[in-house]
């Protein structure tokens, strides 16, 4: 997949969110990390009620991950609406990507140049770029 110049790359999972921007060209992309986005995700997924009363249960962790994914989508929606992001590629594991899609605004959908359903949050930018180019 080609990555146009100045395209933002959002790399997310249920716990982390990293934002990059292609500071190079389409032919010679260079990913540079942006400032760490602050994500608020408390209750945004609509997953409330999907857990039992045990605070340590897997259901609570699942809800937290869904909330984080919804929070990332909300952050991206605001960034697109504020014209801080014009074109966007989202890279996320399938569960996170699925939840994010549920929360994209129309403006964010219009800014999307693509999505890559891979778990890449723990990788350096050069490896993320290689995965994007291979897609």
N, C-alpha and C. Protein backbone atom coordinates (compact mmCIF):
# COMPACT_ATOMS: atom_id res chain seq x y z
N UNK A 1 0.85 -1.17 0.00
CA UNK A 1 0.00 0.00 0.00
C UNK A 1 0.90 1.24 0.00
N UNK A 2 0.56 2.19 -0.83
CA UNK A 2 1.31 3.44 -0.85
C UNK A 2 0.77 4.38 0.22
N UNK A 3 1.66 5.17 0.78
CA UNK A 3 1.31 6.10 1.84
C UNK A 3 1.60 7.52 1.35
N UNK A 4 0.56 8.26 0.97
CA UNK A 4 0.77 9.62 0.46
C UNK A 4 1.45 10.53 1.50
N UNK A 5 2.15 11.52 1.00
CA UNK A 5 2.81 12.49 1.87
C UNK A 5 1.79 13.15 2.79
N UNK A 6 2.21 13.43 4.01
CA UNK A 6 1.41 14.08 5.05
C UNK A 6 0.23 13.27 5.55
N UNK A 7 0.15 12.01 5.17
CA UNK A 7 -0.90 11.14 5.70
C UNK A 7 -0.55 10.77 7.13
N UNK A 8 -1.53 10.82 8.00
CA UNK A 8 -1.36 10.40 9.38
C UNK A 8 -1.64 8.90 9.47
N UNK A 9 -0.89 8.23 10.30
CA UNK A 9 -1.06 6.79 10.53
C UNK A 9 -1.37 6.61 12.01
N UNK A 10 -2.58 6.16 12.30
CA UNK A 10 -3.00 5.87 13.67
C UNK A 10 -2.80 4.39 13.92
N UNK A 11 -1.96 4.06 14.90
CA UNK A 11 -1.68 2.67 15.25
C UNK A 11 -2.25 2.46 16.65
N UNK A 12 -3.20 1.52 16.76
CA UNK A 12 -3.91 1.36 18.02
C UNK A 12 -4.15 -0.10 18.35
N UNK A 13 -4.33 -0.34 19.64
CA UNK A 13 -4.86 -1.60 20.12
C UNK A 13 -5.78 -1.24 21.29
N UNK A 14 -6.16 -2.20 22.08
CA UNK A 14 -7.08 -1.94 23.17
C UNK A 14 -6.49 -1.17 24.34
N UNK A 15 -5.19 -0.88 24.29
CA UNK A 15 -4.54 -0.18 25.39
C UNK A 15 -3.68 1.00 24.95
N UNK A 16 -3.17 0.96 23.72
CA UNK A 16 -2.23 1.98 23.27
C UNK A 16 -2.71 2.65 22.00
N UNK A 17 -2.22 3.88 21.78
CA UNK A 17 -2.53 4.64 20.59
C UNK A 17 -1.32 5.49 20.26
N UNK A 18 -0.76 5.27 19.09
CA UNK A 18 0.41 6.00 18.63
C UNK A 18 0.03 6.65 17.30
N UNK A 19 0.44 7.88 17.12
CA UNK A 19 0.13 8.60 15.89
C UNK A 19 1.42 8.98 15.18
N UNK A 20 1.49 8.65 13.89
CA UNK A 20 2.62 8.99 13.04
C UNK A 20 2.12 9.86 11.89
N UNK A 21 3.07 10.50 11.21
CA UNK A 21 2.75 11.24 9.98
C UNK A 21 3.85 10.95 8.98
N UNK A 22 3.45 10.75 7.71
CA UNK A 22 4.42 10.55 6.65
C UNK A 22 5.02 11.91 6.29
N UNK A 23 6.23 12.15 6.77
CA UNK A 23 6.94 13.41 6.51
C UNK A 23 7.75 13.33 5.22
N UNK A 24 7.72 12.17 4.58
CA UNK A 24 8.42 11.99 3.31
C UNK A 24 7.46 12.19 2.16
N UNK A 25 7.74 11.48 1.09
CA UNK A 25 6.89 11.54 -0.10
C UNK A 25 6.17 10.20 -0.25
N UNK A 26 5.31 10.12 -1.25
CA UNK A 26 4.64 8.86 -1.52
C UNK A 26 5.67 7.81 -1.95
N UNK A 27 6.63 8.23 -2.77
CA UNK A 27 7.65 7.31 -3.27
C UNK A 27 8.68 6.95 -2.20
N UNK A 28 8.93 7.87 -1.28
CA UNK A 28 9.94 7.64 -0.24
C UNK A 28 9.36 8.07 1.12
N UNK A 29 8.43 7.25 1.67
CA UNK A 29 7.78 7.64 2.92
C UNK A 29 8.73 7.58 4.12
N UNK A 30 8.49 8.49 5.05
CA UNK A 30 9.25 8.54 6.31
C UNK A 30 8.24 8.78 7.43
N UNK A 31 8.08 7.80 8.31
CA UNK A 31 7.14 7.97 9.42
C UNK A 31 7.82 8.67 10.58
N UNK A 32 7.20 9.74 11.05
CA UNK A 32 7.67 10.43 12.24
C UNK A 32 6.55 10.41 13.27
N UNK A 33 6.91 10.11 14.51
CA UNK A 33 5.92 10.07 15.58
C UNK A 33 5.44 11.48 15.89
N UNK A 34 4.15 11.62 16.09
CA UNK A 34 3.55 12.87 16.52
C UNK A 34 3.52 12.86 18.06
N UNK A 35 3.11 13.96 18.66
CA UNK A 35 2.94 14.00 20.11
C UNK A 35 1.94 12.93 20.51
N UNK A 36 2.15 12.35 21.69
CA UNK A 36 1.27 11.27 22.16
C UNK A 36 -0.14 11.81 22.39
N UNK A 37 -1.11 11.23 21.68
CA UNK A 37 -2.50 11.68 21.84
C UNK A 37 -3.06 11.26 23.21
N UNK A 38 -3.83 12.14 23.82
CA UNK A 38 -4.52 11.83 25.07
C UNK A 38 -5.91 11.31 24.70
N UNK A 39 -6.19 10.09 25.12
CA UNK A 39 -7.46 9.45 24.77
C UNK A 39 -8.31 9.30 26.01
N UNK A 40 -9.51 9.78 25.90
CA UNK A 40 -10.49 9.56 26.96
C UNK A 40 -11.46 8.52 26.43
N UNK A 41 -11.59 7.41 27.15
CA UNK A 41 -12.42 6.35 26.64
C UNK A 41 -13.38 5.77 27.64
N UNK A 42 -13.71 6.50 28.66
CA UNK A 42 -14.57 5.93 29.69
C UNK A 42 -16.01 5.84 29.21
N UNK A 43 -16.45 4.63 28.97
CA UNK A 43 -17.84 4.39 28.62
C UNK A 43 -18.23 4.73 27.21
N UNK A 44 -17.29 5.07 26.34
CA UNK A 44 -17.64 5.49 24.98
C UNK A 44 -18.06 4.35 24.07
N UNK A 45 -17.69 3.13 24.41
CA UNK A 45 -17.96 2.02 23.51
C UNK A 45 -19.42 1.58 23.53
N UNK A 46 -20.12 1.90 24.58
CA UNK A 46 -21.47 1.40 24.72
C UNK A 46 -21.48 -0.04 25.20
N UNK A 47 -20.36 -0.52 25.71
CA UNK A 47 -20.24 -1.91 26.15
C UNK A 47 -20.66 -2.10 27.60
N UNK A 48 -21.14 -1.07 28.24
CA UNK A 48 -21.57 -1.19 29.64
C UNK A 48 -22.62 -2.29 29.76
N UNK A 49 -22.53 -3.02 30.84
CA UNK A 49 -23.48 -4.12 31.04
C UNK A 49 -23.00 -5.42 30.47
N UNK A 50 -21.84 -5.43 29.83
CA UNK A 50 -21.30 -6.63 29.24
C UNK A 50 -20.35 -7.34 30.18
N UNK A 51 -20.45 -7.05 31.47
CA UNK A 51 -19.53 -7.66 32.42
C UNK A 51 -20.28 -7.99 33.70
N UNK A 52 -19.62 -8.78 34.54
CA UNK A 52 -20.20 -9.11 35.84
C UNK A 52 -19.64 -8.17 36.89
N UNK A 53 -19.86 -8.45 38.13
CA UNK A 53 -19.45 -7.54 39.20
C UNK A 53 -18.00 -7.72 39.62
N UNK A 54 -17.31 -8.71 39.14
CA UNK A 54 -15.92 -8.94 39.50
C UNK A 54 -15.01 -7.99 38.72
N UNK A 55 -14.41 -7.02 39.42
CA UNK A 55 -13.59 -5.99 38.77
C UNK A 55 -12.37 -6.57 38.07
N UNK A 56 -11.98 -7.77 38.38
CA UNK A 56 -10.80 -8.38 37.77
C UNK A 56 -11.17 -9.30 36.61
N UNK A 57 -12.41 -9.36 36.24
CA UNK A 57 -12.85 -10.32 35.23
C UNK A 57 -12.39 -9.92 33.83
N UNK A 58 -12.36 -10.90 32.96
CA UNK A 58 -12.01 -10.64 31.56
C UNK A 58 -13.01 -9.69 30.92
N UNK A 59 -14.25 -9.76 31.33
CA UNK A 59 -15.26 -8.87 30.75
C UNK A 59 -14.94 -7.40 31.04
N UNK A 60 -14.46 -7.10 32.23
CA UNK A 60 -14.06 -5.71 32.55
C UNK A 60 -12.92 -5.28 31.64
N UNK A 61 -11.93 -6.17 31.47
CA UNK A 61 -10.80 -5.82 30.60
C UNK A 61 -11.27 -5.63 29.17
N UNK A 62 -12.20 -6.47 28.73
CA UNK A 62 -12.75 -6.34 27.38
C UNK A 62 -13.45 -4.99 27.24
N UNK A 63 -14.24 -4.61 28.23
CA UNK A 63 -14.92 -3.32 28.17
C UNK A 63 -13.91 -2.18 28.13
N UNK A 64 -12.86 -2.26 28.93
CA UNK A 64 -11.82 -1.23 28.91
C UNK A 64 -11.19 -1.11 27.53
N UNK A 65 -10.94 -2.23 26.88
CA UNK A 65 -10.35 -2.22 25.54
C UNK A 65 -11.30 -1.62 24.52
N UNK A 66 -12.58 -1.98 24.62
CA UNK A 66 -13.57 -1.40 23.72
C UNK A 66 -13.70 0.10 23.95
N UNK A 67 -13.69 0.50 25.21
CA UNK A 67 -13.76 1.93 25.54
C UNK A 67 -12.56 2.68 24.98
N UNK A 68 -11.37 2.06 25.08
CA UNK A 68 -10.17 2.71 24.55
C UNK A 68 -10.28 2.86 23.03
N UNK A 69 -10.72 1.82 22.35
CA UNK A 69 -10.88 1.88 20.89
C UNK A 69 -11.88 2.97 20.50
N UNK A 70 -12.97 3.07 21.24
CA UNK A 70 -13.96 4.12 20.97
C UNK A 70 -13.37 5.50 21.24
N UNK A 71 -12.55 5.60 22.29
CA UNK A 71 -11.88 6.86 22.60
C UNK A 71 -10.91 7.27 21.51
N UNK A 72 -10.19 6.30 20.94
CA UNK A 72 -9.28 6.59 19.83
C UNK A 72 -10.07 7.12 18.63
N UNK A 73 -11.18 6.45 18.32
CA UNK A 73 -12.01 6.91 17.21
C UNK A 73 -12.53 8.33 17.48
N UNK A 74 -12.93 8.59 18.71
CA UNK A 74 -13.40 9.93 19.07
C UNK A 74 -12.30 10.97 18.91
N UNK A 75 -11.07 10.62 19.32
CA UNK A 75 -9.94 11.53 19.17
C UNK A 75 -9.70 11.81 17.69
N UNK A 76 -9.71 10.76 16.87
CA UNK A 76 -9.50 10.93 15.43
C UNK A 76 -10.61 11.77 14.82
N UNK A 77 -11.85 11.54 15.23
CA UNK A 77 -12.97 12.35 14.73
C UNK A 77 -12.73 13.83 14.99
N UNK A 78 -12.32 14.16 16.22
CA UNK A 78 -12.07 15.56 16.57
C UNK A 78 -10.91 16.13 15.76
N UNK A 79 -9.84 15.34 15.59
CA UNK A 79 -8.67 15.82 14.84
C UNK A 79 -9.03 16.08 13.38
N UNK A 80 -9.84 15.22 12.79
CA UNK A 80 -10.27 15.43 11.41
C UNK A 80 -11.17 16.66 11.33
N UNK A 81 -12.13 16.77 12.25
CA UNK A 81 -13.06 17.91 12.24
C UNK A 81 -12.34 19.24 12.46
N UNK A 82 -11.23 19.21 13.20
CA UNK A 82 -10.44 20.42 13.46
C UNK A 82 -9.38 20.64 12.38
N UNK A 83 -9.41 19.84 11.32
CA UNK A 83 -8.51 19.96 10.17
C UNK A 83 -7.03 19.74 10.55
N UNK A 84 -6.80 18.98 11.62
CA UNK A 84 -5.43 18.61 11.98
C UNK A 84 -5.00 17.36 11.22
N UNK A 85 -5.98 16.58 10.75
CA UNK A 85 -5.71 15.39 9.95
C UNK A 85 -6.57 15.48 8.69
N UNK A 86 -5.90 15.40 7.52
CA UNK A 86 -6.62 15.46 6.25
C UNK A 86 -6.75 14.08 5.62
N UNK A 87 -5.70 13.26 5.75
CA UNK A 87 -5.78 11.89 5.25
C UNK A 87 -5.24 10.96 6.34
N UNK A 88 -5.83 9.78 6.42
CA UNK A 88 -5.60 8.91 7.56
C UNK A 88 -5.56 7.45 7.15
N UNK A 89 -4.59 6.74 7.71
CA UNK A 89 -4.52 5.28 7.62
C UNK A 89 -4.61 4.76 9.04
N UNK A 90 -5.49 3.82 9.29
CA UNK A 90 -5.64 3.24 10.62
C UNK A 90 -5.09 1.82 10.60
N UNK A 91 -4.21 1.54 11.58
CA UNK A 91 -3.62 0.21 11.75
C UNK A 91 -4.00 -0.26 13.14
N UNK A 92 -4.75 -1.35 13.22
CA UNK A 92 -5.20 -1.84 14.52
C UNK A 92 -5.53 -3.33 14.42
N UNK A 93 -5.47 -4.00 15.57
CA UNK A 93 -5.87 -5.40 15.60
C UNK A 93 -7.36 -5.48 15.23
N UNK A 94 -7.82 -6.63 14.76
CA UNK A 94 -9.20 -6.74 14.28
C UNK A 94 -10.27 -6.30 15.28
N UNK A 95 -10.14 -6.65 16.56
CA UNK A 95 -11.16 -6.26 17.55
C UNK A 95 -11.21 -4.75 17.73
N UNK A 96 -10.04 -4.14 17.85
CA UNK A 96 -9.97 -2.69 18.02
C UNK A 96 -10.49 -1.99 16.78
N UNK A 97 -10.08 -2.45 15.62
CA UNK A 97 -10.52 -1.85 14.37
C UNK A 97 -12.04 -1.93 14.23
N UNK A 98 -12.60 -3.07 14.58
CA UNK A 98 -14.05 -3.24 14.50
C UNK A 98 -14.79 -2.25 15.39
N UNK A 99 -14.29 -2.06 16.61
CA UNK A 99 -14.93 -1.11 17.52
C UNK A 99 -14.74 0.32 17.04
N UNK A 100 -13.57 0.63 16.53
CA UNK A 100 -13.32 1.98 16.02
C UNK A 100 -14.27 2.31 14.89
N UNK A 101 -14.48 1.38 13.99
CA UNK A 101 -15.38 1.61 12.85
C UNK A 101 -16.78 2.02 13.30
N UNK A 102 -17.22 1.47 14.40
CA UNK A 102 -18.56 1.80 14.92
C UNK A 102 -18.68 3.25 15.34
N UNK A 103 -17.52 3.92 15.57
CA UNK A 103 -17.53 5.27 16.12
C UNK A 103 -16.97 6.32 15.17
N UNK A 104 -16.59 5.94 13.95
CA UNK A 104 -16.09 6.92 13.00
C UNK A 104 -17.19 7.90 12.63
N UNK A 105 -16.85 9.17 12.60
CA UNK A 105 -17.75 10.19 12.06
C UNK A 105 -17.65 10.12 10.53
N UNK A 106 -18.62 10.69 9.85
CA UNK A 106 -18.60 10.70 8.38
C UNK A 106 -17.34 11.40 7.86
N UNK A 107 -16.93 12.47 8.54
CA UNK A 107 -15.72 13.20 8.11
C UNK A 107 -14.48 12.31 8.24
N UNK A 108 -14.42 11.48 9.27
CA UNK A 108 -13.29 10.58 9.45
C UNK A 108 -13.31 9.49 8.38
N UNK A 109 -14.48 8.97 8.10
CA UNK A 109 -14.60 7.98 7.03
C UNK A 109 -14.12 8.56 5.71
N UNK A 110 -14.43 9.83 5.46
CA UNK A 110 -14.01 10.49 4.22
C UNK A 110 -12.49 10.69 4.18
N UNK A 111 -11.87 10.89 5.34
CA UNK A 111 -10.42 11.11 5.40
C UNK A 111 -9.62 9.82 5.30
N UNK A 112 -10.26 8.67 5.55
CA UNK A 112 -9.57 7.39 5.53
C UNK A 112 -9.09 7.03 4.13
N UNK A 113 -7.79 6.72 4.04
CA UNK A 113 -7.27 6.19 2.78
C UNK A 113 -7.18 4.67 2.85
N UNK A 114 -7.32 4.13 4.07
CA UNK A 114 -7.29 2.69 4.23
C UNK A 114 -7.18 2.27 5.68
N UNK A 115 -7.32 0.97 5.87
CA UNK A 115 -7.20 0.36 7.20
C UNK A 115 -6.38 -0.92 7.03
N UNK A 116 -5.62 -1.21 8.06
CA UNK A 116 -4.80 -2.42 8.07
C UNK A 116 -5.07 -3.13 9.38
N UNK A 117 -5.63 -4.34 9.30
CA UNK A 117 -5.99 -5.06 10.52
C UNK A 117 -4.81 -5.93 11.00
N UNK A 118 -3.87 -5.25 11.66
CA UNK A 118 -2.69 -5.92 12.20
C UNK A 118 -2.36 -5.33 13.56
N UNK A 119 -1.77 -6.14 14.41
CA UNK A 119 -1.31 -5.71 15.74
C UNK A 119 0.12 -5.21 15.58
N UNK A 120 0.33 -3.89 15.56
CA UNK A 120 1.65 -3.32 15.34
C UNK A 120 2.06 -2.29 16.39
N UNK A 121 1.30 -2.15 17.47
CA UNK A 121 1.58 -1.08 18.43
C UNK A 121 2.93 -1.22 19.12
N UNK A 122 3.47 -2.39 19.24
CA UNK A 122 4.75 -2.55 19.91
C UNK A 122 5.95 -2.46 18.98
N UNK A 123 5.72 -2.14 17.72
CA UNK A 123 6.79 -2.13 16.73
C UNK A 123 7.31 -0.71 16.49
N UNK A 124 8.59 -0.59 16.09
CA UNK A 124 9.11 0.73 15.74
C UNK A 124 8.52 1.22 14.41
N UNK A 125 8.60 2.51 14.17
CA UNK A 125 8.03 3.11 12.97
C UNK A 125 8.53 2.49 11.68
N UNK A 126 9.80 2.10 11.63
CA UNK A 126 10.33 1.50 10.40
C UNK A 126 9.65 0.17 10.09
N UNK A 127 9.37 -0.63 11.12
CA UNK A 127 8.68 -1.91 10.91
C UNK A 127 7.21 -1.68 10.55
N UNK A 128 6.61 -0.67 11.14
CA UNK A 128 5.22 -0.33 10.79
C UNK A 128 5.15 0.08 9.33
N UNK A 129 6.10 0.89 8.89
CA UNK A 129 6.15 1.33 7.50
C UNK A 129 6.32 0.14 6.57
N UNK A 130 7.17 -0.82 6.92
CA UNK A 130 7.35 -2.02 6.11
C UNK A 130 6.05 -2.81 5.99
N UNK A 131 5.31 -2.93 7.09
CA UNK A 131 4.03 -3.65 7.07
C UNK A 131 3.01 -2.94 6.18
N UNK A 132 3.02 -1.61 6.22
CA UNK A 132 2.09 -0.83 5.38
C UNK A 132 2.46 -1.03 3.92
N UNK A 133 3.74 -0.92 3.59
CA UNK A 133 4.17 -1.07 2.21
C UNK A 133 3.89 -2.47 1.67
N UNK A 134 3.93 -3.49 2.55
CA UNK A 134 3.68 -4.86 2.14
C UNK A 134 2.19 -5.15 1.93
N UNK A 135 1.34 -4.33 2.50
CA UNK A 135 -0.11 -4.57 2.43
C UNK A 135 -0.68 -4.24 1.05
